[in-house]
Amino acid sequence: MNLLKTTKKNIDSSIFLIFLAIGLFVWTSVSANEPVEDKQFITVEWVVTEGESLWHIAANNVIDTNMSVEQLVYWIKKENNLDKETIYPGQLLNIPIELTEFAGQ
């Protein structure tokens, strides 16, 4: 009798953990692909130098935007009409800076 209760309890715990793991996986997959919120950004012009990549530029500017590096790379590609992540020295890119306050406040 005790063996049956213990087995049932272990199976119930296992099923709960499986559903919890599936739920966490789905939640993280969906939230990782969420688009950047509609925030007000001003942009600055960035001149690409030799050896820079979108990921390097995004990593250097991520603090100013309150986005993840991945979201910032996506934003830069979208706003600069880039199909790929290939950029060239001398190319001008618009880089966002989050607008947190209005001038004069």
PDB file of N, CA and C in Angstrom:
ATOM      1  N   MET A   1       0.821  -1.188   0.000  1.00  0.00           N
ATOM      2  CA  MET A   1       0.000   0.000   0.000  1.00  0.00           C
ATOM      3  C   MET A   1       0.871   1.262   0.000  1.00  0.00           C
ATOM      4  N   ASN A   2       1.894   1.281   0.859  1.00  0.00           N
ATOM      5  CA  ASN A   2       2.791   2.439   0.903  1.00  0.00           C
ATOM      6  C   ASN A   2       3.564   2.590  -0.398  1.00  0.00           C
ATOM      7  N   LEU A   3       3.927   1.466  -0.981  1.00  0.00           N
ATOM      8  CA  LEU A   3       4.648   1.503  -2.249  1.00  0.00           C
ATOM      9  C   LEU A   3       3.786   2.130  -3.338  1.00  0.00           C
ATOM     10  N   LEU A   4       2.507   1.819  -3.340  1.00  0.00           N
ATOM     11  CA  LEU A   4       1.583   2.375  -4.318  1.00  0.00           C
ATOM     12  C   LEU A   4       1.442   3.888  -4.137  1.00  0.00           C
ATOM     13  N   LYS A   5       1.323   4.344  -2.877  1.00  0.00           N
ATOM     14  CA  LYS A   5       1.208   5.781  -2.597  1.00  0.00           C
ATOM     15  C   LYS A   5       2.485   6.521  -3.000  1.00  0.00           C
ATOM     16  N   THR A   6       3.632   5.934  -2.682  1.00  0.00           N
ATOM     17  CA  THR A   6       4.909   6.558  -3.013  1.00  0.00           C
ATOM     18  C   THR A   6       5.085   6.654  -4.532  1.00  0.00           C
ATOM     19  N   THR A   7       4.746   5.584  -5.227  1.00  0.00           N
ATOM     20  CA  THR A   7       4.851   5.583  -6.685  1.00  0.00           C
ATOM     21  C   THR A   7       3.929   6.626  -7.299  1.00  0.00           C
ATOM     22  N   LYS A   8       2.693   6.701  -6.814  1.00  0.00           N
ATOM     23  CA  LYS A   8       1.730   7.679  -7.326  1.00  0.00           C
ATOM     24  C   LYS A   8       2.225   9.103  -7.061  1.00  0.00           C
ATOM     25  N   LYS A   9       2.777   9.324  -5.873  1.00  0.00           N
ATOM     26  CA  LYS A   9       3.293  10.648  -5.524  1.00  0.00           C
ATOM     27  C   LYS A   9       4.465  11.032  -6.439  1.00  0.00           C
ATOM     28  N   ASN A  10       5.353  10.085  -6.717  1.00  0.00           N
ATOM     29  CA  ASN A  10       6.497  10.352  -7.598  1.00  0.00           C
ATOM     30  C   ASN A  10       6.045  10.637  -9.024  1.00  0.00           C
ATOM     31  N   ILE A  11       5.043   9.899  -9.492  1.00  0.00           N
ATOM     32  CA  ILE A  11       4.520  10.128 -10.839  1.00  0.00           C
ATOM     33  C   ILE A  11       3.866  11.501 -10.920  1.00  0.00           C
ATOM     34  N   ASP A  12       3.082  11.870  -9.900  1.00  0.00           N
ATOM     35  CA  ASP A  12       2.449  13.189  -9.876  1.00  0.00           C
ATOM     36  C   ASP A  12       3.501  14.299  -9.891  1.00  0.00           C
ATOM     37  N   SER A  13       4.558  14.128  -9.115  1.00  0.00           N
ATOM     38  CA  SER A  13       5.633  15.127  -9.081  1.00  0.00           C
ATOM     39  C   SER A  13       6.336  15.220 -10.428  1.00  0.00           C
ATOM     40  N   SER A  14       6.566  14.079 -11.051  1.00  0.00           N
ATOM     41  CA  SER A  14       7.231  14.065 -12.358  1.00  0.00           C
ATOM     42  C   SER A  14       6.385  14.763 -13.413  1.00  0.00           C
ATOM     43  N   ILE A  15       5.094  14.489 -13.423  1.00  0.00           N
ATOM     44  CA  ILE A  15       4.196  15.126 -14.389  1.00  0.00           C
ATOM     45  C   ILE A  15       4.178  16.634 -14.171  1.00  0.00           C
ATOM     46  N   PHE A  16       4.116  17.059 -12.912  1.00  0.00           N
ATOM     47  CA  PHE A  16       4.136  18.491 -12.600  1.00  0.00           C
ATOM     48  C   PHE A  16       5.420  19.139 -13.117  1.00  0.00           C
ATOM     49  N   LEU A  17       6.561  18.496 -12.873  1.00  0.00           N
ATOM     50  CA  LEU A  17       7.842  19.054 -13.316  1.00  0.00           C
ATOM     51  C   LEU A  17       7.940  19.109 -14.839  1.00  0.00           C
ATOM     52  N   ILE A  18       7.398  18.112 -15.513  1.00  0.00           N
ATOM     53  CA  ILE A  18       7.411  18.116 -16.977  1.00  0.00           C
ATOM     54  C   ILE A  18       6.591  19.285 -17.506  1.00  0.00           C
ATOM     55  N   PHE A  19       5.378  19.474 -16.968  1.00  0.00           N
ATOM     56  CA  PHE A  19       4.548  20.594 -17.416  1.00  0.00           C
ATOM     57  C   PHE A  19       5.178  21.940 -17.071  1.00  0.00           C
ATOM     58  N   LEU A  20       5.818  22.030 -15.917  1.00  0.00           N
ATOM     59  CA  LEU A  20       6.506  23.259 -15.536  1.00  0.00           C
ATOM     60  C   LEU A  20       7.645  23.557 -16.513  1.00  0.00           C
ATOM     61  N   ALA A  21       8.427  22.548 -16.860  1.00  0.00           N
ATOM     62  CA  ALA A  21       9.536  22.731 -17.797  1.00  0.00           C
ATOM     63  C   ALA A  21       9.027  23.151 -19.174  1.00  0.00           C
ATOM     64  N   ILE A  22       7.958  22.523 -19.638  1.00  0.00           N
ATOM     65  CA  ILE A  22       7.382  22.886 -20.938  1.00  0.00           C
ATOM     66  C   ILE A  22       6.881  24.327 -20.904  1.00  0.00           C
ATOM     67  N   GLY A  23       6.204  24.696 -19.825  1.00  0.00           N
ATOM     68  CA  GLY A  23       5.697  26.060 -19.689  1.00  0.00           C
ATOM     69  C   GLY A  23       6.814  27.091 -19.698  1.00  0.00           C
ATOM     70  N   LEU A  24       7.886  26.822 -18.967  1.00  0.00           N
ATOM     71  CA  LEU A  24       9.024  27.748 -18.943  1.00  0.00           C
ATOM     72  C   LEU A  24       9.691  27.848 -20.313  1.00  0.00           C
ATOM     73  N   PHE A  25       9.812  26.731 -20.993  1.00  0.00           N
ATOM     74  CA  PHE A  25      10.413  26.739 -22.326  1.00  0.00           C
ATOM     75  C   PHE A  25       9.588  27.580 -23.293  1.00  0.00           C
ATOM     76  N   VAL A  26       8.287  27.374 -23.287  1.00  0.00           N
ATOM     77  CA  VAL A  26       7.406  28.132 -24.183  1.00  0.00           C
ATOM     78  C   VAL A  26       7.456  29.611 -23.837  1.00  0.00           C
ATOM     79  N   TRP A  27       7.403  29.938 -22.552  1.00  0.00           N
ATOM     80  CA  TRP A  27       7.420  31.337 -22.121  1.00  0.00           C
ATOM     81  C   TRP A  27       8.711  32.035 -22.543  1.00  0.00           C
ATOM     82  N   THR A  28       9.857  31.377 -22.339  1.00  0.00           N
ATOM     83  CA  THR A  28      11.124  32.015 -22.710  1.00  0.00           C
ATOM     84  C   THR A  28      11.273  32.118 -24.221  1.00  0.00           C
ATOM     85  N   SER A  29      10.777  31.139 -24.954  1.00  0.00           N
ATOM     86  CA  SER A  29      10.850  31.208 -26.418  1.00  0.00           C
ATOM     87  C   SER A  29      10.022  32.357 -26.957  1.00  0.00           C
ATOM     88  N   VAL A  30       8.844  32.535 -26.418  1.00  0.00           N
ATOM     89  CA  VAL A  30       7.958  33.606 -26.886  1.00  0.00           C
ATOM     90  C   VAL A  30       8.491  34.967 -26.471  1.00  0.00           C
ATOM     91  N   SER A  31       8.929  35.099 -25.231  1.00  0.00           N
ATOM     92  CA  SER A  31       9.383  36.406 -24.750  1.00  0.00           C
ATOM     93  C   SER A  31      10.697  36.826 -25.400  1.00  0.00           C
ATOM     94  N   ALA A  32      11.528  35.887 -25.809  1.00  0.00           N
ATOM     95  CA  ALA A  32      12.791  36.237 -26.466  1.00  0.00           C
ATOM     96  C   ALA A  32      12.558  36.830 -27.847  1.00  0.00           C
ATOM     97  N   ASN A  33      11.444  36.491 -28.472  1.00  0.00           N
ATOM     98  CA  ASN A  33      11.162  36.983 -29.816  1.00  0.00           C
ATOM     99  C   ASN A  33      10.220  38.173 -29.835  1.00  0.00           C
ATOM    100  N   GLU A  34       9.909  38.735 -28.667  1.00  0.00           N
ATOM    101  CA  GLU A  34       9.012  39.884 -28.628  1.00  0.00           C
ATOM    102  C   GLU A  34       9.681  41.089 -29.272  1.00  0.00           C
ATOM    103  N   PRO A  35       8.945  41.848 -30.041  1.00  0.00           N
ATOM    104  CA  PRO A  35       9.529  43.047 -30.647  1.00  0.00           C
ATOM    105  C   PRO A  35       9.811  44.105 -29.587  1.00  0.00           C
ATOM    106  N   VAL A  36      10.683  45.007 -29.928  1.00  0.00           N
ATOM    107  CA  VAL A  36      11.010  46.108 -29.032  1.00  0.00           C
ATOM    108  C   VAL A  36       9.763  46.967 -28.847  1.00  0.00           C
ATOM    109  N   GLU A  37       9.525  47.367 -27.618  1.00  0.00           N
ATOM    110  CA  GLU A  37       8.365  48.213 -27.343  1.00  0.00           C
ATOM    111  C   GLU A  37       8.455  49.503 -28.144  1.00  0.00           C
ATOM    112  N   ASP A  38       7.298  50.088 -28.397  1.00  0.00           N
ATOM    113  CA  ASP A  38       7.256  51.363 -29.109  1.00  0.00           C
ATOM    114  C   ASP A  38       7.705  52.474 -28.170  1.00  0.00           C
ATOM    115  N   LYS A  39       8.974  52.765 -28.173  1.00  0.00           N
ATOM    116  CA  LYS A  39       9.511  53.821 -27.322  1.00  0.00           C
ATOM    117  C   LYS A  39       9.929  54.977 -28.206  1.00  0.00           C
ATOM    118  N   GLN A  40      10.028  56.117 -27.591  1.00  0.00           N
ATOM    119  CA  GLN A  40      10.498  57.301 -28.302  1.00  0.00           C
ATOM    120  C   GLN A  40      12.029  57.270 -28.306  1.00  0.00           C
ATOM    121  N   PHE A  41      12.599  57.277 -29.484  1.00  0.00           N
ATOM    122  CA  PHE A  41      14.047  57.315 -29.600  1.00  0.00           C
ATOM    123  C   PHE A  41      14.449  58.508 -30.451  1.00  0.00           C
ATOM    124  N   ILE A  42      15.548  59.119 -30.067  1.00  0.00           N
ATOM    125  CA  ILE A  42      16.212  60.022 -30.988  1.00  0.00           C
ATOM    126  C   ILE A  42      17.370  59.204 -31.549  1.00  0.00           C
ATOM    127  N   THR A  43      17.856  59.569 -32.686  1.00  0.00           N
ATOM    128  CA  THR A  43      18.943  58.796 -33.270  1.00  0.00           C
ATOM    129  C   THR A  43      20.171  59.671 -33.452  1.00  0.00           C
ATOM    130  N   VAL A  44      21.298  59.013 -33.421  1.00  0.00           N
ATOM    131  CA  VAL A  44      22.563  59.665 -33.740  1.00  0.00           C
ATOM    132  C   VAL A  44      23.147  58.932 -34.938  1.00  0.00           C
ATOM    133  N   GLU A  45      23.938  59.635 -35.712  1.00  0.00           N
ATOM    134  CA  GLU A  45      24.561  59.022 -36.876  1.00  0.00           C
ATOM    135  C   GLU A  45      25.867  58.372 -36.459  1.00  0.00           C
ATOM    136  N   TRP A  46      26.039  57.130 -36.837  1.00  0.00           N
ATOM    137  CA  TRP A  46      27.243  56.375 -36.514  1.00  0.00           C
ATOM    138  C   TRP A  46      27.976  56.081 -37.816  1.00  0.00           C
ATOM    139  N   VAL A  47      29.255  56.425 -37.871  1.00  0.00           N
ATOM    140  CA  VAL A  47      30.066  56.115 -39.046  1.00  0.00           C
ATOM    141  C   VAL A  47      30.818  54.818 -38.750  1.00  0.00           C
ATOM    142  N   VAL A  48      30.566  53.817 -39.558  1.00  0.00           N
ATOM    143  CA  VAL A  48      31.191  52.508 -39.370  1.00  0.00           C
ATOM    144  C   VAL A  48      32.679  52.610 -39.680  1.00  0.00           C
ATOM    145  N   THR A  49      33.497  52.067 -38.790  1.00  0.00           N
ATOM    146  CA  THR A  49      34.943  52.035 -39.006  1.00  0.00           C
ATOM    147  C   THR A  49      35.386  50.605 -39.298  1.00  0.00           C
ATOM    148  N   GLU A  50      36.595  50.471 -39.776  1.00  0.00           N
ATOM    149  CA  GLU A  50      37.159  49.167 -40.138  1.00  0.00           C
ATOM    150  C   GLU A  50      37.092  48.204 -38.948  1.00  0.00           C
ATOM    151  N   GLY A  51      36.581  47.014 -39.181  1.00  0.00           N
ATOM    152  CA  GLY A  51      36.534  45.981 -38.154  1.00  0.00           C
ATOM    153  C   GLY A  51      35.281  45.977 -37.300  1.00  0.00           C
ATOM    154  N   GLU A  52      34.409  46.962 -37.448  1.00  0.00           N
ATOM    155  CA  GLU A  52      33.182  46.994 -36.650  1.00  0.00           C
ATOM    156  C   GLU A  52      32.119  46.088 -37.256  1.00  0.00           C
ATOM    157  N   SER A  53      31.277  45.554 -36.385  1.00  0.00           N
ATOM    158  CA  SER A  53      30.124  44.765 -36.811  1.00  0.00           C
ATOM    159  C   SER A  53      28.883  45.352 -36.146  1.00  0.00           C
ATOM    160  N   LEU A  54      27.717  44.942 -36.618  1.00  0.00           N
ATOM    161  CA  LEU A  54      26.483  45.408 -35.969  1.00  0.00           C
ATOM    162  C   LEU A  54      26.465  45.007 -34.502  1.00  0.00           C
ATOM    163  N   TRP A  55      26.953  43.812 -34.217  1.00  0.00           N
ATOM    164  CA  TRP A  55      26.957  43.334 -32.830  1.00  0.00           C
ATOM    165  C   TRP A  55      27.880  44.181 -31.963  1.00  0.00           C
ATOM    166  N   HIS A  56      29.023  44.578 -32.503  1.00  0.00           N
ATOM    167  CA  HIS A  56      29.961  45.435 -31.771  1.00  0.00           C
ATOM    168  C   HIS A  56      29.337  46.802 -31.513  1.00  0.00           C
ATOM    169  N   ILE A  57      28.717  47.378 -32.536  1.00  0.00           N
ATOM    170  CA  ILE A  57      28.079  48.689 -32.399  1.00  0.00           C
ATOM    171  C   ILE A  57      26.935  48.611 -31.392  1.00  0.00           C
ATOM    172  N   ALA A  58      26.126  47.557 -31.487  1.00  0.00           N
ATOM    173  CA  ALA A  58      25.002  47.394 -30.560  1.00  0.00           C
ATOM    174  C   ALA A  58      25.495  47.225 -29.127  1.00  0.00           C
ATOM    175  N   ALA A  59      26.539  46.436 -28.935  1.00  0.00           N
ATOM    176  CA  ALA A  59      27.076  46.219 -27.586  1.00  0.00           C
ATOM    177  C   ALA A  59      27.594  47.520 -26.982  1.00  0.00           C
ATOM    178  N   ASN A  60      28.158  48.398 -27.812  1.00  0.00           N
ATOM    179  CA  ASN A  60      28.671  49.678 -27.321  1.00  0.00           C
ATOM    180  C   ASN A  60      27.572  50.682 -27.017  1.00  0.00           C
ATOM    181  N   ASN A  61      26.389  50.496 -27.586  1.00  0.00           N
ATOM    182  CA  ASN A  61      25.312  51.473 -27.428  1.00  0.00           C
ATOM    183  C   ASN A  61      24.098  50.944 -26.681  1.00  0.00           C
ATOM    184  N   VAL A  62      24.148  49.736 -26.200  1.00  0.00           N
ATOM    185  CA  VAL A  62      22.977  49.107 -25.589  1.00  0.00           C
ATOM    186  C   VAL A  62      22.539  49.823 -24.307  1.00  0.00           C
ATOM    187  N   ILE A  63      23.450  50.420 -23.578  1.00  0.00           N
ATOM    188  CA  ILE A  63      23.116  51.098 -22.318  1.00  0.00           C
ATOM    189  C   ILE A  63      22.199  52.287 -22.564  1.00  0.00           C
ATOM    190  N   ASP A  64      22.367  52.953 -23.696  1.00  0.00           N
ATOM    191  CA  ASP A  64      21.573  54.144 -23.999  1.00  0.00           C
ATOM    192  C   ASP A  64      20.145  53.838 -24.433  1.00  0.00           C
ATOM    193  N   THR A  65      19.799  52.566 -24.624  1.00  0.00           N
ATOM    194  CA  THR A  65      18.510  52.239 -25.229  1.00  0.00           C
ATOM    195  C   THR A  65      17.576  51.419 -24.358  1.00  0.00           C
ATOM    196  N   ASN A  66      18.064  50.799 -23.320  1.00  0.00           N
ATOM    197  CA  ASN A  66      17.252  49.916 -22.485  1.00  0.00           C
ATOM    198  C   ASN A  66      16.721  48.730 -23.297  1.00  0.00           C
ATOM    199  N   MET A  67      17.508  48.256 -24.259  1.00  0.00           N
ATOM    200  CA  MET A  67      17.197  47.070 -25.056  1.00  0.00           C
ATOM    201  C   MET A  67      18.302  46.046 -24.835  1.00  0.00           C
ATOM    202  N   SER A  68      18.030  44.807 -25.210  1.00  0.00           N
ATOM    203  CA  SER A  68      19.093  43.809 -25.223  1.00  0.00           C
ATOM    204  C   SER A  68      19.929  44.036 -26.484  1.00  0.00           C
ATOM    205  N   VAL A  69      21.104  43.443 -26.528  1.00  0.00           N
ATOM    206  CA  VAL A  69      21.959  43.586 -27.704  1.00  0.00           C
ATOM    207  C   VAL A  69      21.245  43.028 -28.936  1.00  0.00           C
ATOM    208  N   GLU A  70      20.564  41.884 -28.772  1.00  0.00           N
ATOM    209  CA  GLU A  70      19.844  41.276 -29.897  1.00  0.00           C
ATOM    210  C   GLU A  70      18.753  42.206 -30.417  1.00  0.00           C
ATOM    211  N   GLN A  71      18.002  42.818 -29.498  1.00  0.00           N
ATOM    212  CA  GLN A  71      16.941  43.738 -29.902  1.00  0.00           C
ATOM    213  C   GLN A  71      17.518  44.962 -30.604  1.00  0.00           C
ATOM    214  N   LEU A  72      18.650  45.444 -30.127  1.00  0.00           N
ATOM    215  CA  LEU A  72      19.272  46.618 -30.740  1.00  0.00           C
ATOM    216  C   LEU A  72      19.789  46.303 -32.146  1.00  0.00           C
ATOM    217  N   VAL A  73      20.378  45.121 -32.336  1.00  0.00           N
ATOM    218  CA  VAL A  73      20.814  44.722 -33.680  1.00  0.00           C
ATOM    219  C   VAL A  73      19.609  44.677 -34.607  1.00  0.00           C
ATOM    220  N   TYR A  74      18.504  44.096 -34.156  1.00  0.00           N
ATOM    221  CA  TYR A  74      17.276  44.037 -34.961  1.00  0.00           C
ATOM    222  C   TYR A  74      16.798  45.449 -35.298  1.00  0.00           C
ATOM    223  N   TRP A  75      16.789  46.349 -34.307  1.00  0.00           N
ATOM    224  CA  TRP A  75      16.337  47.731 -34.512  1.00  0.00           C
ATOM    225  C   TRP A  75      17.212  48.434 -35.550  1.00  0.00           C
ATOM    226  N   ILE A  76      18.526  48.295 -35.407  1.00  0.00           N
ATOM    227  CA  ILE A  76      19.453  48.950 -36.335  1.00  0.00           C
ATOM    228  C   ILE A  76      19.231  48.435 -37.758  1.00  0.00           C
ATOM    229  N   LYS A  77      19.088  47.119 -37.906  1.00  0.00           N
ATOM    230  CA  LYS A  77      18.844  46.550 -39.238  1.00  0.00           C
ATOM    231  C   LYS A  77      17.545  47.083 -39.827  1.00  0.00           C
ATOM    232  N   LYS A  78      16.500  47.113 -39.021  1.00  0.00           N
ATOM    233  CA  LYS A  78      15.188  47.552 -39.501  1.00  0.00           C
ATOM    234  C   LYS A  78      15.211  49.029 -39.890  1.00  0.00           C
ATOM    235  N   GLU A  79      15.729  49.877 -39.019  1.00  0.00           N
ATOM    236  CA  GLU A  79      15.697  51.320 -39.244  1.00  0.00           C
ATOM    237  C   GLU A  79      16.656  51.789 -40.337  1.00  0.00           C
ATOM    238  N   ASN A  80      17.673  50.992 -40.623  1.00  0.00           N
ATOM    239  CA  ASN A  80      18.635  51.359 -41.656  1.00  0.00           C
ATOM    240  C   ASN A  80      18.438  50.549 -42.938  1.00  0.00           C
ATOM    241  N   ASN A  81      17.311  49.844 -43.008  1.00  0.00           N
ATOM    242  CA  ASN A  81      16.958  49.044 -44.193  1.00  0.00           C
ATOM    243  C   ASN A  81      18.063  48.073 -44.597  1.00  0.00           C
ATOM    244  N   LEU A  82      18.595  47.357 -43.617  1.00  0.00           N
ATOM    245  CA  LEU A  82      19.639  46.370 -43.885  1.00  0.00           C
ATOM    246  C   LEU A  82      19.004  44.984 -43.968  1.00  0.00           C
ATOM    247  N   ASP A  83      19.257  44.272 -45.051  1.00  0.00           N
ATOM    248  CA  ASP A  83      18.746  42.911 -45.187  1.00  0.00           C
ATOM    249  C   ASP A  83      19.605  41.917 -44.416  1.00  0.00           C
ATOM    250  N   LYS A  84      20.896  42.201 -44.366  1.00  0.00           N
ATOM    251  CA  LYS A  84      21.853  41.321 -43.699  1.00  0.00           C
ATOM    252  C   LYS A  84      22.577  42.120 -42.625  1.00  0.00           C
ATOM    253  N   GLU A  85      23.471  41.454 -41.935  1.00  0.00           N
ATOM    254  CA  GLU A  85      24.250  42.129 -40.902  1.00  0.00           C
ATOM    255  C   GLU A  85      25.573  42.657 -41.450  1.00  0.00           C
ATOM    256  N   THR A  86      25.736  42.633 -42.755  1.00  0.00           N
ATOM    257  CA  THR A  86      26.967  43.105 -43.379  1.00  0.00           C
ATOM    258  C   THR A  86      26.959  44.626 -43.453  1.00  0.00           C
ATOM    259  N   ILE A  87      28.008  45.231 -42.890  1.00  0.00           N
ATOM    260  CA  ILE A  87      28.177  46.682 -42.958  1.00  0.00           C
ATOM    261  C   ILE A  87      29.593  46.967 -43.450  1.00  0.00           C
ATOM    262  N   TYR A  88      29.822  48.192 -43.909  1.00  0.00           N
ATOM    263  CA  TYR A  88      31.092  48.544 -44.529  1.00  0.00           C
ATOM    264  C   TYR A  88      31.669  49.807 -43.898  1.00  0.00           C
ATOM    265  N   PRO A  89      33.011  49.914 -43.851  1.00  0.00           N
ATOM    266  CA  PRO A  89      33.632  51.133 -43.334  1.00  0.00           C
ATOM    267  C   PRO A  89      33.144  52.356 -44.107  1.00  0.00           C
ATOM    268  N   GLY A  90      32.829  53.410 -43.373  1.00  0.00           N
ATOM    269  CA  GLY A  90      32.332  54.639 -43.969  1.00  0.00           C
ATOM    270  C   GLY A  90      30.816  54.698 -44.078  1.00  0.00           C
ATOM    271  N   GLN A  91      30.160  53.561 -43.895  1.00  0.00           N
ATOM    272  CA  GLN A  91      28.697  53.522 -43.973  1.00  0.00           C
ATOM    273  C   GLN A  91      28.100  54.274 -42.784  1.00  0.00           C
ATOM    274  N   LEU A  92      27.023  55.027 -43.038  1.00  0.00           N
ATOM    275  CA  LEU A  92      26.343  55.766 -41.977  1.00  0.00           C
ATOM    276  C   LEU A  92      25.151  54.958 -41.481  1.00  0.00           C
ATOM    277  N   LEU A  93      25.051  54.812 -40.171  1.00  0.00           N
ATOM    278  CA  LEU A  93      23.934  54.093 -39.557  1.00  0.00           C
ATOM    279  C   LEU A  93      23.259  54.997 -38.540  1.00  0.00           C
ATOM    280  N   ASN A  94      21.949  54.914 -38.462  1.00  0.00           N
ATOM    281  CA  ASN A  94      21.215  55.595 -37.399  1.00  0.00           C
ATOM    282  C   ASN A  94      21.165  54.668 -36.194  1.00  0.00           C
ATOM    283  N   ILE A  95      21.613  55.178 -35.058  1.00  0.00           N
ATOM    284  CA  ILE A  95      21.657  54.416 -33.815  1.00  0.00           C
ATOM    285  C   ILE A  95      20.717  55.098 -32.827  1.00  0.00           C
ATOM    286  N   PRO A  96      19.865  54.338 -32.133  1.00  0.00           N
ATOM    287  CA  PRO A  96      18.896  54.962 -31.234  1.00  0.00           C
ATOM    288  C   PRO A  96      19.481  55.343 -29.883  1.00  0.00           C
ATOM    289  N   ILE A  97      18.936  56.409 -29.348  1.00  0.00           N
ATOM    290  CA  ILE A  97      19.185  56.800 -27.963  1.00  0.00           C
ATOM    291  C   ILE A  97      17.816  57.047 -27.370  1.00  0.00           C
ATOM    292  N   GLU A  98      17.522  56.412 -26.258  1.00  0.00           N
ATOM    293  CA  GLU A  98      16.186  56.523 -25.686  1.00  0.00           C
ATOM    294  C   GLU A  98      15.901  57.943 -25.229  1.00  0.00           C
ATOM    295  N   LEU A  99      14.745  58.440 -25.593  1.00  0.00           N
ATOM    296  CA  LEU A  99      14.307  59.768 -25.183  1.00  0.00           C
ATOM    297  C   LEU A  99      13.606  59.621 -23.843  1.00  0.00           C
ATOM    298  N   THR A 100      14.273  60.044 -22.772  1.00  0.00           N
ATOM    299  CA  THR A 100      13.694  59.872 -21.443  1.00  0.00           C
ATOM    300  C   THR A 100      13.109  61.161 -20.896  1.00  0.00           C
ATOM    301  N   GLU A 101      13.624  62.283 -21.311  1.00  0.00           N
ATOM    302  CA  GLU A 101      13.105  63.565 -20.833  1.00  0.00           C
ATOM    303  C   GLU A 101      13.056  64.545 -21.991  1.00  0.00           C
ATOM    304  N   PHE A 102      12.154  65.464 -21.895  1.00  0.00           N
ATOM    305  CA  PHE A 102      12.080  66.512 -22.900  1.00  0.00           C
ATOM    306  C   PHE A 102      13.009  67.645 -22.498  1.00  0.00           C
ATOM    307  N   ALA A 103      13.564  68.325 -23.473  1.00  0.00           N
ATOM    308  CA  ALA A 103      14.432  69.464 -23.208  1.00  0.00           C
ATOM    309  C   ALA A 103      13.656  70.530 -22.453  1.00  0.00           C
ATOM    310  N   GLY A 104      14.287  71.134 -21.496  1.00  0.00           N
ATOM    311  CA  GLY A 104      13.642  72.197 -20.733  1.00  0.00           C
ATOM    312  C   GLY A 104      12.963  71.710 -19.467  1.00  0.00           C
ATOM    313  N   GLN A 105      13.014  70.419 -19.209  1.00  0.00           N
ATOM    314  CA  GLN A 105      12.386  69.922 -17.975  1.00  0.00           C
ATOM    315  C   GLN A 105      13.418  69.775 -16.894  1.00  0.00           C
TER     316      GLN A 105
END
